Amino acid sequence: MTFGTRVRQLRHAKGWSLRDLAEKVDVGFTYLSRVENQRLNFGDYPSDALIHRLAEALEANEDELLILAKRIPEPVKKRFLQRPDAFCAFATCDDATLDKLMVEIGQTPKPRKIARR
């Protein structure tokens, strides 16, 4: 899923138009349309501050939106810098191993789509 697709889903769930959401987060509705349709130039990508305002307005998980926007949430970045060895080791794990680790720490792994062959 892309950042824009998720923003659109959340906006539709609220029953808001682009203009409604744009007013709530203080940006132009045409800009939000470009966000939702992945039609942004490199310099136009949403700032962390805008992502924060979107998350608040849409009552969404800010970390999820940051990650979909290919940004690293600050708590994750801080922890990574404290333990790069662990994060690098996790990055080499396959999905089954990561699922086992999540269960071990009391988290429920998200269902994954099964690749079609």
PDB file of N, CA and C in Angstrom:
ATOM      1  N   MET A   1       0.835  -1.176   0.000  1.00  0.00           N
ATOM      2  CA  MET A   1       0.000   0.000   0.000  1.00  0.00           C
ATOM      3  C   MET A   1       0.888   1.251   0.000  1.00  0.00           C
ATOM      4  N   THR A   2       0.430   2.277  -0.671  1.00  0.00           N
ATOM      5  CA  THR A   2       1.188   3.520  -0.718  1.00  0.00           C
ATOM      6  C   THR A   2       0.644   4.507   0.317  1.00  0.00           C
ATOM      7  N   PHE A   3       1.441   5.520   0.590  1.00  0.00           N
ATOM      8  CA  PHE A   3       1.026   6.578   1.503  1.00  0.00           C
ATOM      9  C   PHE A   3      -0.264   7.243   1.010  1.00  0.00           C
ATOM     10  N   GLY A   4      -0.290   7.606  -0.264  1.00  0.00           N
ATOM     11  CA  GLY A   4      -1.459   8.276  -0.818  1.00  0.00           C
ATOM     12  C   GLY A   4      -2.713   7.434  -0.758  1.00  0.00           C
ATOM     13  N   THR A   5      -2.576   6.146  -1.053  1.00  0.00           N
ATOM     14  CA  THR A   5      -3.721   5.239  -0.996  1.00  0.00           C
ATOM     15  C   THR A   5      -4.271   5.166   0.423  1.00  0.00           C
ATOM     16  N   ARG A   6      -3.371   5.100   1.400  1.00  0.00           N
ATOM     17  CA  ARG A   6      -3.814   5.018   2.806  1.00  0.00           C
ATOM     18  C   ARG A   6      -4.506   6.306   3.235  1.00  0.00           C
ATOM     19  N   VAL A   7      -3.959   7.440   2.837  1.00  0.00           N
ATOM     20  CA  VAL A   7      -4.604   8.719   3.175  1.00  0.00           C
ATOM     21  C   VAL A   7      -6.009   8.756   2.580  1.00  0.00           C
ATOM     22  N   ARG A   8      -6.148   8.330   1.322  1.00  0.00           N
ATOM     23  CA  ARG A   8      -7.466   8.313   0.680  1.00  0.00           C
ATOM     24  C   ARG A   8      -8.426   7.397   1.438  1.00  0.00           C
ATOM     25  N   GLN A   9      -7.963   6.204   1.805  1.00  0.00           N
ATOM     26  CA  GLN A   9      -8.816   5.272   2.563  1.00  0.00           C
ATOM     27  C   GLN A   9      -9.302   5.910   3.859  1.00  0.00           C
ATOM     28  N   LEU A  10      -8.383   6.510   4.584  1.00  0.00           N
ATOM     29  CA  LEU A  10      -8.732   7.131   5.864  1.00  0.00           C
ATOM     30  C   LEU A  10      -9.698   8.301   5.665  1.00  0.00           C
ATOM     31  N   ARG A  11      -9.466   9.093   4.627  1.00  0.00           N
ATOM     32  CA  ARG A  11     -10.346  10.231   4.338  1.00  0.00           C
ATOM     33  C   ARG A  11     -11.744   9.746   3.975  1.00  0.00           C
ATOM     34  N   HIS A  12     -11.824   8.735   3.124  1.00  0.00           N
ATOM     35  CA  HIS A  12     -13.133   8.190   2.740  1.00  0.00           C
ATOM     36  C   HIS A  12     -13.857   7.613   3.947  1.00  0.00           C
ATOM     37  N   ALA A  13     -13.123   6.966   4.843  1.00  0.00           N
ATOM     38  CA  ALA A  13     -13.738   6.388   6.042  1.00  0.00           C
ATOM     39  C   ALA A  13     -14.396   7.471   6.905  1.00  0.00           C
ATOM     40  N   LYS A  14     -13.866   8.686   6.839  1.00  0.00           N
ATOM     41  CA  LYS A  14     -14.442   9.815   7.578  1.00  0.00           C
ATOM     42  C   LYS A  14     -15.573  10.483   6.803  1.00  0.00           C
ATOM     43  N   GLY A  15     -15.703  10.116   5.524  1.00  0.00           N
ATOM     44  CA  GLY A  15     -16.721  10.741   4.692  1.00  0.00           C
ATOM     45  C   GLY A  15     -16.368  12.159   4.282  1.00  0.00           C
ATOM     46  N   TRP A  16     -15.079  12.462   4.237  1.00  0.00           N
ATOM     47  CA  TRP A  16     -14.617  13.812   3.917  1.00  0.00           C
ATOM     48  C   TRP A  16     -14.214  13.929   2.457  1.00  0.00           C
ATOM     49  N   SER A  17     -14.394  15.116   1.921  1.00  0.00           N
ATOM     50  CA  SER A  17     -13.885  15.436   0.587  1.00  0.00           C
ATOM     51  C   SER A  17     -12.429  15.858   0.722  1.00  0.00           C
ATOM     52  N   LEU A  18     -11.765  15.986  -0.418  1.00  0.00           N
ATOM     53  CA  LEU A  18     -10.394  16.515  -0.398  1.00  0.00           C
ATOM     54  C   LEU A  18     -10.372  17.907   0.233  1.00  0.00           C
ATOM     55  N   ARG A  19     -11.354  18.715  -0.098  1.00  0.00           N
ATOM     56  CA  ARG A  19     -11.422  20.067   0.459  1.00  0.00           C
ATOM     57  C   ARG A  19     -11.581  20.034   1.982  1.00  0.00           C
ATOM     58  N   ASP A  20     -12.400  19.106   2.482  1.00  0.00           N
ATOM     59  CA  ASP A  20     -12.591  18.984   3.931  1.00  0.00           C
ATOM     60  C   ASP A  20     -11.262  18.707   4.635  1.00  0.00           C
ATOM     61  N   LEU A  21     -10.560  17.704   4.145  1.00  0.00           N
ATOM     62  CA  LEU A  21      -9.292  17.333   4.779  1.00  0.00           C
ATOM     63  C   LEU A  21      -8.252  18.435   4.602  1.00  0.00           C
ATOM     64  N   ALA A  22      -8.188  19.021   3.423  1.00  0.00           N
ATOM     65  CA  ALA A  22      -7.211  20.085   3.170  1.00  0.00           C
ATOM     66  C   ALA A  22      -7.387  21.228   4.160  1.00  0.00           C
ATOM     67  N   GLU A  23      -8.634  21.588   4.425  1.00  0.00           N
ATOM     68  CA  GLU A  23      -8.901  22.672   5.376  1.00  0.00           C
ATOM     69  C   GLU A  23      -8.436  22.293   6.780  1.00  0.00           C
ATOM     70  N   LYS A  24      -8.639  21.034   7.161  1.00  0.00           N
ATOM     71  CA  LYS A  24      -8.265  20.585   8.510  1.00  0.00           C
ATOM     72  C   LYS A  24      -6.752  20.550   8.723  1.00  0.00           C
ATOM     73  N   VAL A  25      -5.990  20.309   7.643  1.00  0.00           N
ATOM     74  CA  VAL A  25      -4.529  20.201   7.787  1.00  0.00           C
ATOM     75  C   VAL A  25      -3.796  21.398   7.180  1.00  0.00           C
ATOM     76  N   ASP A  26      -4.557  22.377   6.718  1.00  0.00           N
ATOM     77  CA  ASP A  26      -4.002  23.638   6.245  1.00  0.00           C
ATOM     78  C   ASP A  26      -3.084  23.497   5.028  1.00  0.00           C
ATOM     79  N   VAL A  27      -3.583  22.761   4.012  1.00  0.00           N
ATOM     80  CA  VAL A  27      -2.888  22.678   2.722  1.00  0.00           C
ATOM     81  C   VAL A  27      -3.942  22.796   1.624  1.00  0.00           C
ATOM     82  N   GLY A  28      -3.498  23.008   0.406  1.00  0.00           N
ATOM     83  CA  GLY A  28      -4.419  23.091  -0.720  1.00  0.00           C
ATOM     84  C   GLY A  28      -4.975  21.723  -1.091  1.00  0.00           C
ATOM     85  N   PHE A  29      -6.241  21.694  -1.525  1.00  0.00           N
ATOM     86  CA  PHE A  29      -6.851  20.412  -1.884  1.00  0.00           C
ATOM     87  C   PHE A  29      -6.199  19.815  -3.127  1.00  0.00           C
ATOM     88  N   THR A  30      -5.678  20.649  -4.022  1.00  0.00           N
ATOM     89  CA  THR A  30      -5.011  20.104  -5.204  1.00  0.00           C
ATOM     90  C   THR A  30      -3.727  19.385  -4.802  1.00  0.00           C
ATOM     91  N   TYR A  31      -3.034  19.913  -3.792  1.00  0.00           N
ATOM     92  CA  TYR A  31      -1.833  19.233  -3.281  1.00  0.00           C
ATOM     93  C   TYR A  31      -2.220  17.873  -2.712  1.00  0.00           C
ATOM     94  N   LEU A  32      -3.296  17.827  -1.905  1.00  0.00           N
ATOM     95  CA  LEU A  32      -3.732  16.539  -1.348  1.00  0.00           C
ATOM     96  C   LEU A  32      -4.122  15.561  -2.454  1.00  0.00           C
ATOM     97  N   SER A  33      -4.726  16.049  -3.508  1.00  0.00           N
ATOM     98  CA  SER A  33      -5.056  15.186  -4.634  1.00  0.00           C
ATOM     99  C   SER A  33      -3.787  14.582  -5.220  1.00  0.00           C
ATOM    100  N   ARG A  34      -2.752  15.398  -5.373  1.00  0.00           N
ATOM    101  CA  ARG A  34      -1.478  14.883  -5.897  1.00  0.00           C
ATOM    102  C   ARG A  34      -0.857  13.881  -4.925  1.00  0.00           C
ATOM    103  N   VAL A  35      -1.002  14.111  -3.625  1.00  0.00           N
ATOM    104  CA  VAL A  35      -0.498  13.155  -2.624  1.00  0.00           C
ATOM    105  C   VAL A  35      -1.210  11.816  -2.807  1.00  0.00           C
ATOM    106  N   GLU A  36      -2.538  11.856  -2.836  1.00  0.00           N
ATOM    107  CA  GLU A  36      -3.327  10.621  -2.932  1.00  0.00           C
ATOM    108  C   GLU A  36      -3.083   9.862  -4.225  1.00  0.00           C
ATOM    109  N   ASN A  37      -2.770  10.574  -5.291  1.00  0.00           N
ATOM    110  CA  ASN A  37      -2.568   9.939  -6.594  1.00  0.00           C
ATOM    111  C   ASN A  37      -1.098   9.717  -6.939  1.00  0.00           C
ATOM    112  N   GLN A  38      -0.222   9.877  -5.967  1.00  0.00           N
ATOM    113  CA  GLN A  38       1.220   9.679  -6.146  1.00  0.00           C
ATOM    114  C   GLN A  38       1.756  10.471  -7.341  1.00  0.00           C
ATOM    115  N   ARG A  39       1.356  11.729  -7.408  1.00  0.00           N
ATOM    116  CA  ARG A  39       1.803  12.588  -8.504  1.00  0.00           C
ATOM    117  C   ARG A  39       2.630  13.757  -7.986  1.00  0.00           C
ATOM    118  N   LEU A  40       3.511  13.467  -7.046  1.00  0.00           N
ATOM    119  CA  LEU A  40       4.344  14.504  -6.456  1.00  0.00           C
ATOM    120  C   LEU A  40       5.731  14.490  -7.067  1.00  0.00           C
ATOM    121  N   ASN A  41       6.294  15.662  -7.220  1.00  0.00           N
ATOM    122  CA  ASN A  41       7.705  15.765  -7.569  1.00  0.00           C
ATOM    123  C   ASN A  41       8.507  15.566  -6.291  1.00  0.00           C
ATOM    124  N   PHE A  42       9.789  15.282  -6.432  1.00  0.00           N
ATOM    125  CA  PHE A  42      10.618  14.970  -5.267  1.00  0.00           C
ATOM    126  C   PHE A  42      10.495  16.015  -4.167  1.00  0.00           C
ATOM    127  N   GLY A  43      10.578  17.276  -4.489  1.00  0.00           N
ATOM    128  CA  GLY A  43      10.532  18.327  -3.482  1.00  0.00           C
ATOM    129  C   GLY A  43       9.168  18.548  -2.865  1.00  0.00           C
ATOM    130  N   ASP A  44       8.137  17.913  -3.424  1.00  0.00           N
ATOM    131  CA  ASP A  44       6.768  18.113  -2.952  1.00  0.00           C
ATOM    132  C   ASP A  44       6.320  17.104  -1.897  1.00  0.00           C
ATOM    133  N   TYR A  45       7.161  16.146  -1.560  1.00  0.00           N
ATOM    134  CA  TYR A  45       6.731  15.110  -0.629  1.00  0.00           C
ATOM    135  C   TYR A  45       6.314  15.730   0.691  1.00  0.00           C
ATOM    136  N   PRO A  46       5.294  15.152   1.347  1.00  0.00           N
ATOM    137  CA  PRO A  46       4.803  15.722   2.599  1.00  0.00           C
ATOM    138  C   PRO A  46       5.889  15.772   3.667  1.00  0.00           C
ATOM    139  N   SER A  47       5.881  16.851   4.421  1.00  0.00           N
ATOM    140  CA  SER A  47       6.831  16.990   5.529  1.00  0.00           C
ATOM    141  C   SER A  47       6.361  16.135   6.702  1.00  0.00           C
ATOM    142  N   ASP A  48       7.254  15.903   7.642  1.00  0.00           N
ATOM    143  CA  ASP A  48       6.875  15.186   8.860  1.00  0.00           C
ATOM    144  C   ASP A  48       5.754  15.927   9.582  1.00  0.00           C
ATOM    145  N   ALA A  49       5.809  17.263   9.558  1.00  0.00           N
ATOM    146  CA  ALA A  49       4.784  18.067  10.228  1.00  0.00           C
ATOM    147  C   ALA A  49       3.416  17.856   9.577  1.00  0.00           C
ATOM    148  N   LEU A  50       3.373  17.797   8.241  1.00  0.00           N
ATOM    149  CA  LEU A  50       2.101  17.562   7.562  1.00  0.00           C
ATOM    150  C   LEU A  50       1.609  16.146   7.846  1.00  0.00           C
ATOM    151  N   ILE A  51       2.503  15.189   7.841  1.00  0.00           N
ATOM    152  CA  ILE A  51       2.098  13.810   8.152  1.00  0.00           C
ATOM    153  C   ILE A  51       1.510  13.747   9.561  1.00  0.00           C
ATOM    154  N   HIS A  52       2.099  14.481  10.491  1.00  0.00           N
ATOM    155  CA  HIS A  52       1.572  14.545  11.858  1.00  0.00           C
ATOM    156  C   HIS A  52       0.153  15.123  11.854  1.00  0.00           C
ATOM    157  N   ARG A  53      -0.056  16.227  11.121  1.00  0.00           N
ATOM    158  CA  ARG A  53      -1.382  16.840  11.064  1.00  0.00           C
ATOM    159  C   ARG A  53      -2.400  15.908  10.404  1.00  0.00           C
ATOM    160  N   LEU A  54      -1.971  15.198   9.355  1.00  0.00           N
ATOM    161  CA  LEU A  54      -2.860  14.227   8.711  1.00  0.00           C
ATOM    162  C   LEU A  54      -3.252  13.120   9.686  1.00  0.00           C
ATOM    163  N   ALA A  55      -2.271  12.598  10.401  1.00  0.00           N
ATOM    164  CA  ALA A  55      -2.548  11.531  11.367  1.00  0.00           C
ATOM    165  C   ALA A  55      -3.535  12.002  12.424  1.00  0.00           C
ATOM    166  N   GLU A  56      -3.342  13.215  12.924  1.00  0.00           N
ATOM    167  CA  GLU A  56      -4.263  13.742  13.936  1.00  0.00           C
ATOM    168  C   GLU A  56      -5.667  13.920  13.362  1.00  0.00           C
ATOM    169  N   ALA A  57      -5.772  14.555  12.218  1.00  0.00           N
ATOM    170  CA  ALA A  57      -7.080  14.824  11.628  1.00  0.00           C
ATOM    171  C   ALA A  57      -7.817  13.531  11.287  1.00  0.00           C
ATOM    172  N   LEU A  58      -7.080  12.559  10.772  1.00  0.00           N
ATOM    173  CA  LEU A  58      -7.684  11.300  10.329  1.00  0.00           C
ATOM    174  C   LEU A  58      -7.763  10.255  11.441  1.00  0.00           C
ATOM    175  N   GLU A  59      -7.258  10.625  12.627  1.00  0.00           N
ATOM    176  CA  GLU A  59      -7.208   9.696  13.759  1.00  0.00           C
ATOM    177  C   GLU A  59      -6.516   8.401  13.338  1.00  0.00           C
ATOM    178  N   ALA A  60      -5.352   8.577  12.713  1.00  0.00           N
ATOM    179  CA  ALA A  60      -4.586   7.459  12.164  1.00  0.00           C
ATOM    180  C   ALA A  60      -3.293   7.271  12.950  1.00  0.00           C
ATOM    181  N   ASN A  61      -2.661   6.144  12.727  1.00  0.00           N
ATOM    182  CA  ASN A  61      -1.375   5.854  13.348  1.00  0.00           C
ATOM    183  C   ASN A  61      -0.287   6.642  12.614  1.00  0.00           C
ATOM    184  N   GLU A  62       0.302   7.597  13.317  1.00  0.00           N
ATOM    185  CA  GLU A  62       1.312   8.458  12.696  1.00  0.00           C
ATOM    186  C   GLU A  62       2.520   7.656  12.221  1.00  0.00           C
ATOM    187  N   ASP A  63       2.952   6.671  13.010  1.00  0.00           N
ATOM    188  CA  ASP A  63       4.096   5.858  12.602  1.00  0.00           C
ATOM    189  C   ASP A  63       3.807   5.115  11.305  1.00  0.00           C
ATOM    190  N   GLU A  64       2.586   4.595  11.157  1.00  0.00           N
ATOM    191  CA  GLU A  64       2.218   3.906   9.920  1.00  0.00           C
ATOM    192  C   GLU A  64       2.318   4.862   8.730  1.00  0.00           C
ATOM    193  N   LEU A  65       1.782   6.073   8.887  1.00  0.00           N
ATOM    194  CA  LEU A  65       1.835   7.032   7.788  1.00  0.00           C
ATOM    195  C   LEU A  65       3.270   7.429   7.470  1.00  0.00           C
ATOM    196  N   LEU A  66       4.093   7.634   8.502  1.00  0.00           N
ATOM    197  CA  LEU A  66       5.495   7.969   8.262  1.00  0.00           C
ATOM    198  C   LEU A  66       6.192   6.863   7.480  1.00  0.00           C
ATOM    199  N   ILE A  67       5.961   5.625   7.873  1.00  0.00           N
ATOM    200  CA  ILE A  67       6.614   4.498   7.201  1.00  0.00           C
ATOM    201  C   ILE A  67       6.130   4.386   5.755  1.00  0.00           C
ATOM    202  N   LEU A  68       4.827   4.553   5.523  1.00  0.00           N
ATOM    203  CA  LEU A  68       4.314   4.513   4.155  1.00  0.00           C
ATOM    204  C   LEU A  68       4.887   5.646   3.313  1.00  0.00           C
ATOM    205  N   ALA A  69       5.247   6.759   3.961  1.00  0.00           N
ATOM    206  CA  ALA A  69       5.868   7.878   3.253  1.00  0.00           C
ATOM    207  C   ALA A  69       7.386   7.697   3.162  1.00  0.00           C
ATOM    208  N   LYS A  70       7.832   6.500   3.535  1.00  0.00           N
ATOM    209  CA  LYS A  70       9.256   6.140   3.486  1.00  0.00           C
ATOM    210  C   LYS A  70      10.102   7.013   4.415  1.00  0.00           C
ATOM    211  N   ARG A  71       9.513   7.309   5.576  1.00  0.00           N
ATOM    212  CA  ARG A  71      10.205   8.033   6.638  1.00  0.00           C
ATOM    213  C   ARG A  71      10.343   7.098   7.830  1.00  0.00           C
ATOM    214  N   ILE A  72      11.353   7.301   8.612  1.00  0.00           N
ATOM    215  CA  ILE A  72      11.552   6.464   9.795  1.00  0.00           C
ATOM    216  C   ILE A  72      11.092   7.242  11.020  1.00  0.00           C
ATOM    217  N   PRO A  73      10.104   6.705  11.752  1.00  0.00           N
ATOM    218  CA  PRO A  73       9.639   7.391  12.957  1.00  0.00           C
ATOM    219  C   PRO A  73      10.802   7.594  13.936  1.00  0.00           C
ATOM    220  N   GLU A  74      10.800   8.714  14.628  1.00  0.00           N
ATOM    221  CA  GLU A  74      11.904   9.080  15.515  1.00  0.00           C
ATOM    222  C   GLU A  74      12.222   8.016  16.570  1.00  0.00           C
ATOM    223  N   PRO A  75      11.223   7.407  17.234  1.00  0.00           N
ATOM    224  CA  PRO A  75      11.568   6.372  18.234  1.00  0.00           C
ATOM    225  C   PRO A  75      12.284   5.167  17.612  1.00  0.00           C
ATOM    226  N   VAL A  76      11.912   4.805  16.379  1.00  0.00           N
ATOM    227  CA  VAL A  76      12.560   3.687  15.685  1.00  0.00           C
ATOM    228  C   VAL A  76      13.992   4.072  15.327  1.00  0.00           C
ATOM    229  N   LYS A  77      14.153   5.278  14.818  1.00  0.00           N
ATOM    230  CA  LYS A  77      15.484   5.759  14.455  1.00  0.00           C
ATOM    231  C   LYS A  77      16.404   5.775  15.684  1.00  0.00           C
ATOM    232  N   LYS A  78      15.894   6.282  16.799  1.00  0.00           N
ATOM    233  CA  LYS A  78      16.683   6.361  18.035  1.00  0.00           C
ATOM    234  C   LYS A  78      17.102   4.964  18.494  1.00  0.00           C
ATOM    235  N   ARG A  79      16.146   4.041  18.479  1.00  0.00           N
ATOM    236  CA  ARG A  79      16.457   2.670  18.936  1.00  0.00           C
ATOM    237  C   ARG A  79      17.427   1.997  17.985  1.00  0.00           C
ATOM    238  N   PHE A  80      17.257   2.228  16.679  1.00  0.00           N
ATOM    239  CA  PHE A  80      18.185   1.659  15.695  1.00  0.00           C
ATOM    240  C   PHE A  80      19.609   2.119  15.981  1.00  0.00           C
ATOM    241  N   LEU A  81      19.766   3.398  16.263  1.00  0.00           N
ATOM    242  CA  LEU A  81      21.104   3.931  16.526  1.00  0.00           C
ATOM    243  C   LEU A  81      21.696   3.377  17.820  1.00  0.00           C
ATOM    244  N   GLN A  82      20.842   2.980  18.751  1.00  0.00           N
ATOM    245  CA  GLN A  82      21.323   2.363  19.989  1.00  0.00           C
ATOM    246  C   GLN A  82      21.746   0.912  19.766  1.00  0.00           C
ATOM    247  N   ARG A  83      21.049   0.205  18.857  1.00  0.00           N
ATOM    248  CA  ARG A  83      21.313  -1.223  18.626  1.00  0.00           C
ATOM    249  C   ARG A  83      21.331  -1.581  17.148  1.00  0.00           C
ATOM    250  N   PRO A  84      22.251  -0.989  16.376  1.00  0.00           N
ATOM    251  CA  PRO A  84      22.278  -1.301  14.944  1.00  0.00           C
ATOM    252  C   PRO A  84      22.543  -2.778  14.680  1.00  0.00           C
ATOM    253  N   ASP A  85      23.289  -3.438  15.564  1.00  0.00           N
ATOM    254  CA  ASP A  85      23.565  -4.867  15.385  1.00  0.00           C
ATOM    255  C   ASP A  85      22.287  -5.693  15.358  1.00  0.00           C
ATOM    256  N   ALA A  86      21.359  -5.380  16.270  1.00  0.00           N
ATOM    257  CA  ALA A  86      20.104  -6.129  16.338  1.00  0.00           C
ATOM    258  C   ALA A  86      19.251  -5.859  15.095  1.00  0.00           C
ATOM    259  N   PHE A  87      19.134  -4.601  14.706  1.00  0.00           N
ATOM    260  CA  PHE A  87      18.315  -4.269  13.545  1.00  0.00           C
ATOM    261  C   PHE A  87      18.884  -4.870  12.261  1.00  0.00           C
ATOM    262  N   CYS A  88      20.201  -4.878  12.145  1.00  0.00           N
ATOM    263  CA  CYS A  88      20.812  -5.487  10.955  1.00  0.00           C
ATOM    264  C   CYS A  88      20.566  -6.998  10.940  1.00  0.00           C
ATOM    265  N   ALA A  89      20.597  -7.615  12.108  1.00  0.00           N
ATOM    266  CA  ALA A  89      20.309  -9.052  12.189  1.00  0.00           C
ATOM    267  C   ALA A  89      18.850  -9.325  11.823  1.00  0.00           C
ATOM    268  N   PHE A  90      17.934  -8.495  12.320  1.00  0.00           N
ATOM    269  CA  PHE A  90      16.519  -8.672  11.994  1.00  0.00           C
ATOM    270  C   PHE A  90      16.274  -8.512  10.500  1.00  0.00           C
ATOM    271  N   ALA A  91      17.004  -7.613   9.873  1.00  0.00           N
ATOM    272  CA  ALA A  91      16.820  -7.356   8.446  1.00  0.00           C
ATOM    273  C   ALA A  91      17.166  -8.570   7.591  1.00  0.00           C
ATOM    274  N   THR A  92      17.981  -9.469   8.111  1.00  0.00           N
ATOM    275  CA  THR A  92      18.360 -10.656   7.347  1.00  0.00           C
ATOM    276  C   THR A  92      17.418 -11.836   7.578  1.00  0.00           C
ATOM    277  N   CYS A  93      16.482 -11.702   8.520  1.00  0.00           N
ATOM    278  CA  CYS A  93      15.557 -12.795   8.837  1.00  0.00           C
ATOM    279  C   CYS A  93      14.479 -12.929   7.771  1.00  0.00           C
ATOM    280  N   ASP A  94      14.049 -14.165   7.545  1.00  0.00           N
ATOM    281  CA  ASP A  94      12.910 -14.370   6.657  1.00  0.00           C
ATOM    282  C   ASP A  94      11.626 -14.065   7.435  1.00  0.00           C
ATOM    283  N   ASP A  95      10.497 -14.024   6.731  1.00  0.00           N
ATOM    284  CA  ASP A  95       9.230 -13.652   7.365  1.00  0.00           C
ATOM    285  C   ASP A  95       8.820 -14.609   8.478  1.00  0.00           C
ATOM    286  N   ALA A  96       9.046 -15.903   8.291  1.00  0.00           N
ATOM    287  CA  ALA A  96       8.661 -16.874   9.315  1.00  0.00           C
ATOM    288  C   ALA A  96       9.428 -16.626  10.614  1.00  0.00           C
ATOM    289  N   THR A  97      10.708 -16.322  10.504  1.00  0.00           N
ATOM    290  CA  THR A  97      11.519 -16.040  11.690  1.00  0.00           C
ATOM    291  C   THR A  97      11.059 -14.753  12.363  1.00  0.00           C
ATOM    292  N   LEU A  98      10.782 -13.728  11.565  1.00  0.00           N
ATOM    293  CA  LEU A  98      10.290 -12.471  12.134  1.00  0.00           C
ATOM    294  C   LEU A  98       8.944 -12.678  12.831  1.00  0.00           C
ATOM    295  N   ASP A  99       8.068 -13.498  12.240  1.00  0.00           N
ATOM    296  CA  ASP A  99       6.783 -13.796  12.879  1.00  0.00           C
ATOM    297  C   ASP A  99       6.999 -14.472  14.230  1.00  0.00           C
ATOM    298  N   LYS A 100       7.929 -15.407  14.305  1.00  0.00           N
ATOM    299  CA  LYS A 100       8.224 -16.089  15.574  1.00  0.00           C
ATOM    300  C   LYS A 100       8.757 -15.100  16.612  1.00  0.00           C
ATOM    301  N   LEU A 101       9.615 -14.199  16.179  1.00  0.00           N
ATOM    302  CA  LEU A 101      10.142 -13.188  17.091  1.00  0.00           C
ATOM    303  C   LEU A 101       9.028 -12.287  17.617  1.00  0.00           C
ATOM    304  N   MET A 102       8.124 -11.901  16.756  1.00  0.00           N
ATOM    305  CA  MET A 102       7.008 -11.054  17.189  1.00  0.00           C
ATOM    306  C   MET A 102       6.150 -11.770  18.221  1.00  0.00           C
ATOM    307  N   VAL A 103       5.857 -13.034  17.986  1.00  0.00           N
ATOM    308  CA  VAL A 103       5.073 -13.812  18.946  1.00  0.00           C
ATOM    309  C   VAL A 103       5.829 -13.889  20.271  1.00  0.00           C
ATOM    310  N   GLU A 104       7.129 -14.083  20.197  1.00  0.00           N
ATOM    311  CA  GLU A 104       7.965 -14.179  21.400  1.00  0.00           C
ATOM    312  C   GLU A 104       7.883 -12.919  22.262  1.00  0.00           C
ATOM    313  N   ILE A 105       7.745 -11.753  21.627  1.00  0.00           N
ATOM    314  CA  ILE A 105       7.666 -10.507  22.397  1.00  0.00           C
ATOM    315  C   ILE A 105       6.216 -10.065  22.642  1.00  0.00           C
ATOM    316  N   GLY A 106       5.280 -10.967  22.355  1.00  0.00           N
ATOM    317  CA  GLY A 106       3.883 -10.701  22.670  1.00  0.00           C
ATOM    318  C   GLY A 106       3.135  -9.872  21.643  1.00  0.00           C
ATOM    319  N   GLN A 107       3.640  -9.827  20.414  1.00  0.00           N
ATOM    320  CA  GLN A 107       2.983  -9.089  19.340  1.00  0.00           C
ATOM    321  C   GLN A 107       2.357 -10.067  18.355  1.00  0.00           C
ATOM    322  N   THR A 108       1.284  -9.651  17.732  1.00  0.00           N
ATOM    323  CA  THR A 108       0.641 -10.472  16.717  1.00  0.00           C
ATOM    324  C   THR A 108       1.134 -10.033  15.346  1.00  0.00           C
ATOM    325  N   PRO A 109       1.775 -10.946  14.627  1.00  0.00           N
ATOM    326  CA  PRO A 109       2.232 -10.582  13.272  1.00  0.00           C
ATOM    327  C   PRO A 109       1.041 -10.262  12.375  1.00  0.00           C
ATOM    328  N   LYS A 110       1.226  -9.294  11.486  1.00  0.00           N
ATOM    329  CA  LYS A 110       0.177  -8.970  10.522  1.00  0.00           C
ATOM    330  C   LYS A 110       0.144 -10.052   9.459  1.00  0.00           C
ATOM    331  N   PRO A 111      -1.053 -10.411   9.004  1.00  0.00           N
ATOM    332  CA  PRO A 111      -1.141 -11.404   7.926  1.00  0.00           C
ATOM    333  C   PRO A 111      -0.452 -10.872   6.670  1.00  0.00           C
ATOM    334  N   ARG A 112       0.209 -11.748   5.984  1.00  0.00           N
ATOM    335  CA  ARG A 112       0.900 -11.377   4.736  1.00  0.00           C
ATOM    336  C   ARG A 112       0.154 -11.989   3.567  1.00  0.00           C
ATOM    337  N   LYS A 113       0.234 -11.302   2.437  1.00  0.00           N
ATOM    338  CA  LYS A 113      -0.345 -11.858   1.217  1.00  0.00           C
ATOM    339  C   LYS A 113       0.560 -12.985   0.749  1.00  0.00           C
ATOM    340  N   ILE A 114      -0.056 -14.047   0.306  1.00  0.00           N
ATOM    341  CA  ILE A 114       0.686 -15.180  -0.228  1.00  0.00           C
ATOM    342  C   ILE A 114       0.995 -14.895  -1.690  1.00  0.00           C
ATOM    343  N   ALA A 115       2.248 -15.008  -2.039  1.00  0.00           N
ATOM    344  CA  ALA A 115       2.669 -14.735  -3.421  1.00  0.00           C
ATOM    345  C   ALA A 115       2.093 -15.799  -4.341  1.00  0.00           C
ATOM    346  N   ARG A 116       1.530 -15.353  -5.461  1.00  0.00           N
ATOM    347  CA  ARG A 116       1.016 -16.293  -6.474  1.00  0.00           C
ATOM    348  C   ARG A 116       2.153 -16.707  -7.370  1.00  0.00           C
ATOM    349  N   ARG A 117       2.114 -17.920  -7.785  1.00  0.00           N
ATOM    350  CA  ARG A 117       3.178 -18.451  -8.643  1.00  0.00           C
ATOM    351  C   ARG A 117       2.685 -18.660 -10.023  1.00  0.00           C
TER     352      ARG A 117
END
